[in-house]
Amino acid sequence: MAIAGVDEVGRGALFGCVVAAAVFIEPEHLTALTQLGVTDSKRLSPKRRESLVPQIQTLSLEVYVGVATVAEIEQWNILEASLRAMERAIAQCASLPEHCYIDGNQPLRFRELPPLPQTTIIAGDRLHPAIAAASIVAKVWRDRHISVLATQFPQYDLANNKGYGTAKHRAAIAQYGLTPHHRRTWNLCSPLLPHLGH
């Protein structure tokens, strides 16, 4: 039976959706992920992440992405939206995993699924290869999505900041205001606030 590693990206961004990935994999293939160099997506260059995605897909039984929109983030909150994105990623699998390994300390509530055995792991994207693989898949998917939106809103430097609160992004917000893809209710768009990490 397969397990699932689950992680999300985009929680700290000012712009764009939050994206989760679920990597369904047989436990005997976890060592192969580690040997490929699969680790926390933040520790890898964009080029390296892109190169790892097809290798992760080859080793995995199935790979899915779940998304929570900006409107849903505004309606619920970022934690709730992140958890729902994770559940949406898992829900796409034809057969459910035997066990889910979730990055962080918040268990999934399985509103749209039957309850599944799960383990939360703080810093799981560094400690569990399946979670690390999910972090890479989610990061690559979201970065590609933001890069498409960047062509529509070039003044915000989204191609480089991917929606996070860099000085250039905040300065653009101060000059041009917010787009429909900015998280308006967060009160995060002041140039005076600390920068948010990826």
N, C-alpha and C. Protein backbone atom coordinates (compact mmCIF):
# COMPACT_ATOMS: atom_id res chain seq x y z
N MET A 1 0.84 -1.20 0.00
CA MET A 1 0.00 0.00 0.00
C MET A 1 0.87 1.25 0.00
N ALA A 2 0.37 2.27 -0.65
CA ALA A 2 1.13 3.51 -0.76
C ALA A 2 0.92 4.40 0.45
N ILE A 3 1.91 5.22 0.71
CA ILE A 3 1.77 6.31 1.66
C ILE A 3 1.69 7.60 0.86
N ALA A 4 1.33 8.68 1.53
CA ALA A 4 1.29 9.99 0.88
C ALA A 4 2.10 10.98 1.69
N GLY A 5 2.99 11.69 1.02
CA GLY A 5 3.64 12.85 1.61
C GLY A 5 2.91 14.09 1.14
N VAL A 6 2.61 15.00 2.06
CA VAL A 6 1.77 16.15 1.73
C VAL A 6 2.41 17.43 2.27
N ASP A 7 2.47 18.45 1.43
CA ASP A 7 3.01 19.74 1.85
C ASP A 7 2.35 20.83 1.05
N GLU A 8 2.49 22.07 1.53
CA GLU A 8 1.92 23.21 0.83
C GLU A 8 2.98 24.30 0.67
N VAL A 9 2.72 25.20 -0.27
CA VAL A 9 3.57 26.39 -0.46
C VAL A 9 2.66 27.59 -0.66
N GLY A 10 3.20 28.74 -0.34
CA GLY A 10 2.47 29.98 -0.58
C GLY A 10 1.77 30.55 0.63
N ARG A 11 1.97 29.98 1.79
CA ARG A 11 1.27 30.49 2.98
C ARG A 11 1.66 31.92 3.29
N GLY A 12 2.92 32.26 3.12
CA GLY A 12 3.39 33.59 3.51
C GLY A 12 3.36 34.62 2.41
N ALA A 13 2.81 34.29 1.26
CA ALA A 13 2.81 35.22 0.13
C ALA A 13 1.76 36.31 0.30
N LEU A 14 2.00 37.44 -0.36
CA LEU A 14 1.01 38.51 -0.42
C LEU A 14 0.07 38.35 -1.60
N PHE A 15 0.47 37.54 -2.57
CA PHE A 15 -0.21 37.46 -3.86
C PHE A 15 -0.37 36.00 -4.24
N GLY A 16 -1.55 35.63 -4.69
CA GLY A 16 -1.76 34.33 -5.29
C GLY A 16 -2.27 33.26 -4.34
N CYS A 17 -2.60 32.14 -4.94
CA CYS A 17 -3.20 31.01 -4.23
C CYS A 17 -2.19 30.30 -3.34
N VAL A 18 -2.72 29.45 -2.46
CA VAL A 18 -1.89 28.51 -1.73
C VAL A 18 -2.04 27.15 -2.41
N VAL A 19 -0.93 26.45 -2.57
CA VAL A 19 -0.90 25.22 -3.36
C VAL A 19 -0.33 24.09 -2.51
N ALA A 20 -0.99 22.95 -2.55
CA ALA A 20 -0.50 21.76 -1.86
C ALA A 20 -0.28 20.65 -2.87
N ALA A 21 0.62 19.75 -2.54
CA ALA A 21 0.83 18.56 -3.37
C ALA A 21 0.79 17.33 -2.48
N ALA A 22 0.32 16.24 -3.05
CA ALA A 22 0.33 14.93 -2.40
C ALA A 22 1.09 13.97 -3.31
N VAL A 23 2.13 13.37 -2.78
CA VAL A 23 2.94 12.41 -3.53
C VAL A 23 2.65 11.03 -2.96
N PHE A 24 2.01 10.18 -3.77
CA PHE A 24 1.65 8.81 -3.39
C PHE A 24 2.79 7.90 -3.84
N ILE A 25 3.38 7.21 -2.88
CA ILE A 25 4.58 6.44 -3.20
C ILE A 25 4.63 5.20 -2.32
N GLU A 26 5.22 4.14 -2.84
CA GLU A 26 5.43 2.94 -2.04
C GLU A 26 6.64 3.17 -1.12
N PRO A 27 6.55 2.74 0.13
CA PRO A 27 7.61 3.03 1.09
C PRO A 27 9.00 2.58 0.63
N GLU A 28 9.07 1.51 -0.15
CA GLU A 28 10.39 1.04 -0.58
C GLU A 28 11.09 1.99 -1.55
N HIS A 29 10.36 2.99 -2.06
CA HIS A 29 10.97 3.95 -2.98
C HIS A 29 11.42 5.24 -2.29
N LEU A 30 11.24 5.32 -0.98
CA LEU A 30 11.63 6.54 -0.28
C LEU A 30 13.14 6.76 -0.32
N THR A 31 13.90 5.68 -0.20
CA THR A 31 15.36 5.81 -0.25
C THR A 31 15.81 6.36 -1.59
N ALA A 32 15.13 5.95 -2.66
CA ALA A 32 15.48 6.46 -3.98
C ALA A 32 15.25 7.97 -4.09
N LEU A 33 14.21 8.46 -3.43
CA LEU A 33 13.99 9.91 -3.42
C LEU A 33 15.17 10.62 -2.76
N THR A 34 15.60 10.10 -1.63
CA THR A 34 16.73 10.70 -0.92
C THR A 34 17.98 10.67 -1.78
N GLN A 35 18.19 9.56 -2.47
CA GLN A 35 19.38 9.43 -3.32
C GLN A 35 19.35 10.41 -4.49
N LEU A 36 18.16 10.79 -4.93
CA LEU A 36 18.04 11.80 -5.99
C LEU A 36 18.40 13.20 -5.51
N GLY A 37 18.42 13.39 -4.20
CA GLY A 37 18.65 14.71 -3.66
C GLY A 37 17.37 15.45 -3.31
N VAL A 38 16.27 14.72 -3.19
CA VAL A 38 14.99 15.33 -2.82
C VAL A 38 15.08 15.81 -1.38
N THR A 39 14.79 17.09 -1.18
CA THR A 39 14.81 17.70 0.14
C THR A 39 13.87 18.90 0.12
N ASP A 40 13.82 19.63 1.20
CA ASP A 40 13.01 20.83 1.32
C ASP A 40 13.19 21.70 0.07
N SER A 41 12.09 22.05 -0.58
CA SER A 41 12.17 22.80 -1.83
C SER A 41 12.91 24.13 -1.67
N LYS A 42 12.85 24.72 -0.48
CA LYS A 42 13.50 26.01 -0.26
C LYS A 42 15.02 25.89 -0.31
N ARG A 43 15.52 24.68 -0.16
CA ARG A 43 16.98 24.46 -0.19
C ARG A 43 17.51 24.20 -1.59
N LEU A 44 16.63 24.19 -2.57
CA LEU A 44 17.01 23.85 -3.94
C LEU A 44 16.81 25.04 -4.86
N SER A 45 17.62 25.11 -5.89
CA SER A 45 17.45 26.17 -6.89
C SER A 45 16.22 25.88 -7.74
N PRO A 46 15.66 26.91 -8.37
CA PRO A 46 14.52 26.67 -9.27
C PRO A 46 14.83 25.63 -10.35
N LYS A 47 16.02 25.69 -10.92
CA LYS A 47 16.39 24.73 -11.97
C LYS A 47 16.43 23.31 -11.42
N ARG A 48 16.97 23.15 -10.22
CA ARG A 48 17.06 21.82 -9.61
C ARG A 48 15.66 21.29 -9.29
N ARG A 49 14.80 22.14 -8.77
CA ARG A 49 13.43 21.70 -8.49
C ARG A 49 12.74 21.23 -9.76
N GLU A 50 12.87 22.00 -10.82
CA GLU A 50 12.24 21.62 -12.08
C GLU A 50 12.75 20.28 -12.58
N SER A 51 14.04 20.03 -12.42
CA SER A 51 14.62 18.78 -12.91
C SER A 51 14.18 17.58 -12.08
N LEU A 52 13.84 17.82 -10.81
CA LEU A 52 13.45 16.72 -9.93
C LEU A 52 12.00 16.29 -10.14
N VAL A 53 11.13 17.19 -10.60
CA VAL A 53 9.71 16.84 -10.70
C VAL A 53 9.47 15.60 -11.55
N PRO A 54 10.00 15.50 -12.78
CA PRO A 54 9.74 14.28 -13.55
C PRO A 54 10.32 13.02 -12.91
N GLN A 55 11.42 13.16 -12.17
CA GLN A 55 11.98 11.99 -11.48
C GLN A 55 11.10 11.58 -10.31
N ILE A 56 10.54 12.56 -9.62
CA ILE A 56 9.58 12.25 -8.55
C ILE A 56 8.36 11.55 -9.12
N GLN A 57 7.87 12.03 -10.25
CA GLN A 57 6.70 11.42 -10.89
C GLN A 57 6.98 9.99 -11.31
N THR A 58 8.18 9.73 -11.77
CA THR A 58 8.56 8.37 -12.19
C THR A 58 8.57 7.40 -11.01
N LEU A 59 9.08 7.85 -9.88
CA LEU A 59 9.17 6.98 -8.71
C LEU A 59 7.84 6.81 -7.99
N SER A 60 6.92 7.76 -8.18
CA SER A 60 5.67 7.77 -7.44
C SER A 60 4.58 7.03 -8.19
N LEU A 61 3.60 6.56 -7.45
CA LEU A 61 2.41 5.97 -8.07
C LEU A 61 1.54 7.05 -8.69
N GLU A 62 1.33 8.12 -7.93
CA GLU A 62 0.52 9.24 -8.40
C GLU A 62 0.99 10.51 -7.71
N VAL A 63 0.82 11.63 -8.39
CA VAL A 63 1.17 12.93 -7.84
C VAL A 63 0.03 13.89 -8.14
N TYR A 64 -0.47 14.57 -7.11
CA TYR A 64 -1.61 15.45 -7.29
C TYR A 64 -1.35 16.80 -6.64
N VAL A 65 -2.02 17.81 -7.18
CA VAL A 65 -1.94 19.16 -6.64
C VAL A 65 -3.34 19.61 -6.24
N GLY A 66 -3.44 20.28 -5.10
CA GLY A 66 -4.68 20.90 -4.66
C GLY A 66 -4.45 22.38 -4.43
N VAL A 67 -5.45 23.19 -4.72
CA VAL A 67 -5.31 24.65 -4.66
C VAL A 67 -6.43 25.23 -3.81
N ALA A 68 -6.10 26.26 -3.03
CA ALA A 68 -7.10 27.11 -2.41
C ALA A 68 -6.88 28.53 -2.94
N THR A 69 -7.92 29.13 -3.44
CA THR A 69 -7.82 30.42 -4.12
C THR A 69 -7.66 31.56 -3.13
N VAL A 70 -7.33 32.73 -3.68
CA VAL A 70 -7.25 33.93 -2.84
C VAL A 70 -8.60 34.20 -2.18
N ALA A 71 -9.69 34.03 -2.91
CA ALA A 71 -11.02 34.24 -2.33
C ALA A 71 -11.27 33.31 -1.15
N GLU A 72 -10.81 32.07 -1.26
CA GLU A 72 -10.98 31.11 -0.16
C GLU A 72 -10.08 31.46 1.02
N ILE A 73 -8.88 31.93 0.74
CA ILE A 73 -8.00 32.38 1.81
C ILE A 73 -8.66 33.53 2.58
N GLU A 74 -9.26 34.45 1.83
CA GLU A 74 -9.93 35.59 2.45
C GLU A 74 -11.16 35.14 3.24
N GLN A 75 -11.87 34.17 2.70
CA GLN A 75 -13.11 33.70 3.34
C GLN A 75 -12.82 32.95 4.64
N TRP A 76 -11.82 32.07 4.62
CA TRP A 76 -11.52 31.23 5.78
C TRP A 76 -10.40 31.88 6.59
N ASN A 77 -9.21 31.51 6.31
CA ASN A 77 -7.95 32.08 6.80
C ASN A 77 -6.87 31.23 6.15
N ILE A 78 -5.64 31.61 6.27
CA ILE A 78 -4.60 30.92 5.51
C ILE A 78 -4.39 29.49 6.01
N LEU A 79 -4.52 29.27 7.31
CA LEU A 79 -4.35 27.90 7.81
C LEU A 79 -5.44 26.99 7.27
N GLU A 80 -6.68 27.43 7.38
CA GLU A 80 -7.79 26.63 6.88
C GLU A 80 -7.65 26.38 5.39
N ALA A 81 -7.28 27.40 4.64
CA ALA A 81 -7.12 27.26 3.20
C ALA A 81 -6.00 26.27 2.87
N SER A 82 -4.91 26.32 3.63
CA SER A 82 -3.80 25.40 3.40
C SER A 82 -4.21 23.95 3.66
N LEU A 83 -4.93 23.73 4.75
CA LEU A 83 -5.38 22.37 5.08
C LEU A 83 -6.34 21.85 4.02
N ARG A 84 -7.23 22.70 3.55
CA ARG A 84 -8.17 22.26 2.52
C ARG A 84 -7.46 21.97 1.20
N ALA A 85 -6.44 22.76 0.87
CA ALA A 85 -5.67 22.48 -0.34
C ALA A 85 -5.00 21.11 -0.24
N MET A 86 -4.47 20.78 0.95
CA MET A 86 -3.86 19.47 1.15
C MET A 86 -4.89 18.36 0.98
N GLU A 87 -6.06 18.54 1.57
CA GLU A 87 -7.10 17.52 1.44
C GLU A 87 -7.53 17.35 -0.01
N ARG A 88 -7.62 18.46 -0.74
CA ARG A 88 -8.00 18.39 -2.16
C ARG A 88 -6.97 17.61 -2.97
N ALA A 89 -5.70 17.77 -2.62
CA ALA A 89 -4.66 17.01 -3.33
C ALA A 89 -4.83 15.51 -3.08
N ILE A 90 -5.05 15.13 -1.82
CA ILE A 90 -5.21 13.72 -1.48
C ILE A 90 -6.47 13.14 -2.12
N ALA A 91 -7.53 13.93 -2.15
CA ALA A 91 -8.84 13.44 -2.60
C ALA A 91 -8.86 13.02 -4.07
N GLN A 92 -7.88 13.46 -4.85
CA GLN A 92 -7.86 13.15 -6.28
C GLN A 92 -7.39 11.73 -6.58
N CYS A 93 -6.81 11.07 -5.59
CA CYS A 93 -6.28 9.74 -5.83
C CYS A 93 -7.42 8.72 -5.98
N ALA A 94 -7.24 7.81 -6.92
CA ALA A 94 -8.26 6.77 -7.16
C ALA A 94 -8.39 5.85 -5.94
N SER A 95 -7.27 5.51 -5.31
CA SER A 95 -7.31 4.71 -4.09
C SER A 95 -6.56 5.48 -3.00
N LEU A 96 -7.13 5.55 -1.82
CA LEU A 96 -6.58 6.38 -0.76
C LEU A 96 -5.31 5.76 -0.19
N PRO A 97 -4.40 6.59 0.31
CA PRO A 97 -3.15 6.06 0.86
C PRO A 97 -3.38 5.34 2.19
N GLU A 98 -2.45 4.48 2.52
CA GLU A 98 -2.51 3.76 3.80
C GLU A 98 -2.21 4.71 4.96
N HIS A 99 -1.35 5.70 4.72
CA HIS A 99 -0.96 6.64 5.77
C HIS A 99 -0.54 7.94 5.11
N CYS A 100 -0.90 9.06 5.73
CA CYS A 100 -0.51 10.38 5.24
C CYS A 100 0.53 10.98 6.18
N TYR A 101 1.58 11.53 5.61
CA TYR A 101 2.59 12.25 6.36
C TYR A 101 2.49 13.71 5.98
N ILE A 102 2.15 14.55 6.96
CA ILE A 102 1.79 15.94 6.72
C ILE A 102 2.87 16.86 7.28
N ASP A 103 3.30 17.81 6.48
CA ASP A 103 4.27 18.79 6.98
C ASP A 103 3.60 19.72 7.98
N GLY A 104 4.28 19.98 9.10
CA GLY A 104 3.76 20.92 10.08
C GLY A 104 3.20 20.22 11.31
N ASN A 105 2.39 20.95 12.06
CA ASN A 105 1.83 20.40 13.31
C ASN A 105 0.31 20.38 13.31
N GLN A 106 -0.31 20.62 12.16
CA GLN A 106 -1.76 20.67 12.09
C GLN A 106 -2.29 19.44 11.35
N PRO A 107 -3.02 18.56 12.03
CA PRO A 107 -3.58 17.40 11.33
C PRO A 107 -4.70 17.83 10.39
N LEU A 108 -4.87 17.04 9.33
CA LEU A 108 -5.97 17.29 8.41
C LEU A 108 -7.28 16.86 9.05
N ARG A 109 -8.35 17.53 8.66
CA ARG A 109 -9.66 17.25 9.26
C ARG A 109 -10.51 16.33 8.39
N PHE A 110 -10.09 16.13 7.15
CA PHE A 110 -10.76 15.20 6.24
C PHE A 110 -12.26 15.48 6.11
N ARG A 111 -12.58 16.71 5.78
CA ARG A 111 -13.98 17.08 5.57
C ARG A 111 -14.56 16.45 4.32
N GLU A 112 -13.69 16.26 3.30
CA GLU A 112 -14.16 15.73 2.02
C GLU A 112 -13.73 14.29 1.80
N LEU A 113 -13.17 13.67 2.82
CA LEU A 113 -12.63 12.30 2.71
C LEU A 113 -12.98 11.52 3.97
N PRO A 114 -12.96 10.19 3.89
CA PRO A 114 -13.03 9.41 5.12
C PRO A 114 -11.75 9.65 5.93
N PRO A 115 -11.82 9.56 7.25
CA PRO A 115 -10.62 9.77 8.06
C PRO A 115 -9.52 8.78 7.66
N LEU A 116 -8.31 9.29 7.56
CA LEU A 116 -7.15 8.47 7.19
C LEU A 116 -6.09 8.56 8.28
N PRO A 117 -5.34 7.49 8.51
CA PRO A 117 -4.22 7.58 9.45
C PRO A 117 -3.25 8.65 8.98
N GLN A 118 -2.79 9.48 9.90
CA GLN A 118 -1.88 10.55 9.52
C GLN A 118 -0.89 10.84 10.63
N THR A 119 0.25 11.36 10.21
CA THR A 119 1.29 11.80 11.13
C THR A 119 1.74 13.18 10.70
N THR A 120 1.70 14.14 11.61
CA THR A 120 2.23 15.46 11.32
C THR A 120 3.69 15.50 11.75
N ILE A 121 4.52 16.15 10.94
CA ILE A 121 5.95 16.23 11.21
C ILE A 121 6.40 17.67 11.04
N ILE A 122 6.80 18.31 12.12
CA ILE A 122 7.36 19.65 12.02
C ILE A 122 8.67 19.58 11.25
N ALA A 123 8.84 20.50 10.29
CA ALA A 123 9.99 20.46 9.37
C ALA A 123 10.02 19.16 8.59
N GLY A 124 8.84 18.64 8.29
CA GLY A 124 8.75 17.38 7.56
C GLY A 124 9.37 17.43 6.18
N ASP A 125 9.40 18.63 5.57
CA ASP A 125 10.00 18.72 4.24
C ASP A 125 11.51 18.52 4.28
N ARG A 126 12.09 18.56 5.47
CA ARG A 126 13.51 18.24 5.62
C ARG A 126 13.74 16.83 6.15
N LEU A 127 12.71 16.28 6.80
CA LEU A 127 12.89 15.03 7.53
C LEU A 127 12.28 13.81 6.85
N HIS A 128 11.30 14.00 5.99
CA HIS A 128 10.62 12.86 5.37
C HIS A 128 10.67 13.02 3.85
N PRO A 129 11.23 12.05 3.13
CA PRO A 129 11.41 12.21 1.68
C PRO A 129 10.12 12.42 0.90
N ALA A 130 9.02 11.78 1.33
CA ALA A 130 7.77 11.96 0.59
C ALA A 130 7.21 13.36 0.77
N ILE A 131 7.35 13.92 1.98
CA ILE A 131 6.93 15.30 2.20
C ILE A 131 7.82 16.25 1.41
N ALA A 132 9.12 15.98 1.40
CA ALA A 132 10.04 16.81 0.62
C ALA A 132 9.67 16.79 -0.86
N ALA A 133 9.32 15.61 -1.36
CA ALA A 133 8.92 15.51 -2.77
C ALA A 133 7.66 16.34 -3.02
N ALA A 134 6.72 16.29 -2.08
CA ALA A 134 5.50 17.09 -2.22
C ALA A 134 5.82 18.58 -2.20
N SER A 135 6.77 18.98 -1.37
CA SER A 135 7.12 20.40 -1.30
C SER A 135 7.69 20.87 -2.63
N ILE A 136 8.46 20.02 -3.29
CA ILE A 136 9.04 20.38 -4.59
C ILE A 136 7.96 20.49 -5.66
N VAL A 137 7.07 19.51 -5.70
CA VAL A 137 5.99 19.53 -6.70
C VAL A 137 5.11 20.76 -6.52
N ALA A 138 4.74 21.04 -5.28
CA ALA A 138 3.87 22.20 -5.01
C ALA A 138 4.58 23.50 -5.37
N LYS A 139 5.85 23.60 -5.03
CA LYS A 139 6.60 24.83 -5.32
C LYS A 139 6.73 25.05 -6.82
N VAL A 140 7.05 24.02 -7.56
CA VAL A 140 7.19 24.16 -9.01
C VAL A 140 5.85 24.53 -9.65
N TRP A 141 4.78 23.89 -9.21
CA TRP A 141 3.45 24.19 -9.77
C TRP A 141 3.08 25.64 -9.49
N ARG A 142 3.26 26.09 -8.25
CA ARG A 142 2.87 27.46 -7.91
C ARG A 142 3.76 28.48 -8.62
N ASP A 143 5.05 28.22 -8.69
CA ASP A 143 5.95 29.16 -9.37
C ASP A 143 5.57 29.30 -10.84
N ARG A 144 5.22 28.21 -11.48
CA ARG A 144 4.78 28.29 -12.88
C ARG A 144 3.50 29.11 -13.00
N HIS A 145 2.58 28.89 -12.07
CA HIS A 145 1.31 29.62 -12.08
C HIS A 145 1.54 31.12 -11.89
N ILE A 146 2.39 31.48 -10.94
CA ILE A 146 2.66 32.90 -10.68
C ILE A 146 3.41 33.51 -11.86
N SER A 147 4.26 32.75 -12.50
CA SER A 147 4.98 33.27 -13.67
C SER A 147 4.03 33.63 -14.81
N VAL A 148 2.96 32.88 -14.96
CA VAL A 148 1.94 33.23 -15.96
C VAL A 148 1.25 34.54 -15.57
N LEU A 149 0.87 34.67 -14.30
CA LEU A 149 0.23 35.90 -13.85
C LEU A 149 1.18 37.09 -13.92
N ALA A 150 2.48 36.83 -13.81
CA ALA A 150 3.46 37.91 -13.86
C ALA A 150 3.41 38.65 -15.19
N THR A 151 3.06 37.97 -16.26
CA THR A 151 2.98 38.64 -17.56
C THR A 151 1.81 39.61 -17.61
N GLN A 152 0.79 39.40 -16.78
CA GLN A 152 -0.36 40.30 -16.73
C GLN A 152 -0.12 41.49 -15.81
N PHE A 153 0.78 41.32 -14.83
CA PHE A 153 1.04 42.37 -13.84
C PHE A 153 2.55 42.59 -13.72
N PRO A 154 3.20 43.06 -14.78
CA PRO A 154 4.67 43.13 -14.78
C PRO A 154 5.25 44.10 -13.75
N GLN A 155 4.47 45.07 -13.31
CA GLN A 155 5.01 46.09 -12.40
C GLN A 155 5.33 45.55 -11.02
N TYR A 156 4.82 44.36 -10.67
CA TYR A 156 5.00 43.83 -9.32
C TYR A 156 6.21 42.89 -9.19
N ASP A 157 6.95 42.68 -10.25
CA ASP A 157 8.16 41.83 -10.21
C ASP A 157 7.85 40.41 -9.76
N LEU A 158 6.68 39.92 -10.14
CA LEU A 158 6.23 38.60 -9.67
C LEU A 158 7.09 37.46 -10.22
N ALA A 159 7.67 37.65 -11.38
CA ALA A 159 8.51 36.60 -11.95
C ALA A 159 9.68 36.27 -11.03
N ASN A 160 10.12 37.27 -10.27
CA ASN A 160 11.23 37.06 -9.35
C ASN A 160 10.78 36.77 -7.92
N ASN A 161 9.75 37.48 -7.44
CA ASN A 161 9.38 37.31 -6.03
C ASN A 161 8.31 36.24 -5.80
N LYS A 162 7.65 35.78 -6.88
CA LYS A 162 6.62 34.74 -6.81
C LYS A 162 5.50 35.07 -5.82
N GLY A 163 5.26 36.38 -5.64
CA GLY A 163 4.16 36.80 -4.81
C GLY A 163 4.52 37.08 -3.37
N TYR A 164 5.77 36.87 -2.99
CA TYR A 164 6.19 37.12 -1.62
C TYR A 164 6.54 38.60 -1.42
N GLY A 165 6.67 38.98 -0.16
CA GLY A 165 6.75 40.40 0.18
C GLY A 165 8.13 41.00 0.11
N THR A 166 8.75 40.98 -1.03
CA THR A 166 10.04 41.64 -1.20
C THR A 166 9.85 43.16 -1.18
N ALA A 167 10.95 43.88 -1.02
CA ALA A 167 10.89 45.34 -1.01
C ALA A 167 10.33 45.88 -2.32
N LYS A 168 10.74 45.28 -3.43
CA LYS A 168 10.28 45.75 -4.73
C LYS A 168 8.78 45.50 -4.91
N HIS A 169 8.31 44.36 -4.45
CA HIS A 169 6.89 44.04 -4.53
C HIS A 169 6.08 45.03 -3.68
N ARG A 170 6.52 45.28 -2.46
CA ARG A 170 5.80 46.19 -1.57
C ARG A 170 5.81 47.63 -2.12
N ALA A 171 6.93 48.02 -2.71
CA ALA A 171 6.99 49.36 -3.30
C ALA A 171 6.00 49.48 -4.46
N ALA A 172 5.87 48.41 -5.25
CA ALA A 172 4.91 48.41 -6.35
C ALA A 172 3.48 48.49 -5.84
N ILE A 173 3.19 47.80 -4.75
CA ILE A 173 1.86 47.88 -4.15
C ILE A 173 1.56 49.32 -3.71
N ALA A 174 2.56 49.94 -3.08
CA ALA A 174 2.37 51.32 -2.63
C ALA A 174 2.12 52.26 -3.81
N GLN A 175 2.74 51.96 -4.94
CA GLN A 175 2.60 52.83 -6.11
C GLN A 175 1.35 52.53 -6.93
N TYR A 176 1.07 51.24 -7.14
CA TYR A 176 0.02 50.85 -8.08
C TYR A 176 -1.23 50.29 -7.40
N GLY A 177 -1.16 50.00 -6.12
CA GLY A 177 -2.30 49.41 -5.44
C GLY A 177 -2.32 47.90 -5.58
N LEU A 178 -3.45 47.30 -5.20
CA LEU A 178 -3.58 45.85 -5.17
C LEU A 178 -4.32 45.34 -6.40
N THR A 179 -3.92 44.15 -6.84
CA THR A 179 -4.61 43.47 -7.93
C THR A 179 -5.68 42.55 -7.32
N PRO A 180 -6.55 41.96 -8.14
CA PRO A 180 -7.51 40.98 -7.62
C PRO A 180 -6.85 39.73 -7.04
N HIS A 181 -5.56 39.54 -7.32
CA HIS A 181 -4.85 38.35 -6.84
C HIS A 181 -4.10 38.61 -5.54
N HIS A 182 -4.14 39.83 -5.03
CA HIS A 182 -3.53 40.11 -3.73
C HIS A 182 -4.49 39.74 -2.60
N ARG A 183 -3.93 39.35 -1.49
CA ARG A 183 -4.72 38.95 -0.32
C ARG A 183 -5.07 40.22 0.48
N ARG A 184 -6.19 40.79 0.16
CA ARG A 184 -6.52 42.14 0.60
C ARG A 184 -6.78 42.26 2.10
N THR A 185 -7.33 41.25 2.72
CA THR A 185 -7.71 41.37 4.13
C THR A 185 -6.57 41.07 5.09
N TRP A 186 -5.40 40.76 4.56
CA TRP A 186 -4.30 40.36 5.43
C TRP A 186 -3.61 41.52 6.13
N ASN A 187 -3.80 42.74 5.62
CA ASN A 187 -3.06 43.89 6.13
C ASN A 187 -1.55 43.62 6.05
N LEU A 188 -1.16 42.96 4.97
CA LEU A 188 0.25 42.60 4.79
C LEU A 188 0.94 43.43 3.73
N CYS A 189 0.25 44.38 3.16
CA CYS A 189 0.79 45.03 1.97
C CYS A 189 1.47 46.36 2.26
N SER A 190 1.67 46.70 3.52
CA SER A 190 2.40 47.93 3.83
C SER A 190 3.88 47.74 3.57
N PRO A 191 4.53 48.71 2.90
CA PRO A 191 5.98 48.60 2.68
C PRO A 191 6.77 48.61 3.98
N LEU A 192 6.14 49.00 5.09
CA LEU A 192 6.85 49.10 6.36
C LEU A 192 6.91 47.78 7.11
N LEU A 193 6.12 46.82 6.69
CA LEU A 193 6.10 45.54 7.40
C LEU A 193 7.34 44.72 7.07
N PRO A 194 7.74 43.83 7.96
CA PRO A 194 8.90 42.96 7.66
C PRO A 194 8.64 42.11 6.42
N HIS A 195 9.69 41.79 5.73
CA HIS A 195 9.58 40.94 4.55
C HIS A 195 9.20 39.54 4.97
N LEU A 196 8.40 38.87 4.15
CA LEU A 196 8.00 37.50 4.42
C LEU A 196 8.88 36.56 3.60
N GLY A 197 9.31 35.49 4.21
CA GLY A 197 10.16 34.53 3.50
C GLY A 197 9.36 33.60 2.63
N HIS A 198 10.06 32.85 1.81
CA HIS A 198 9.43 31.86 0.94
C HIS A 198 9.13 30.62 1.74
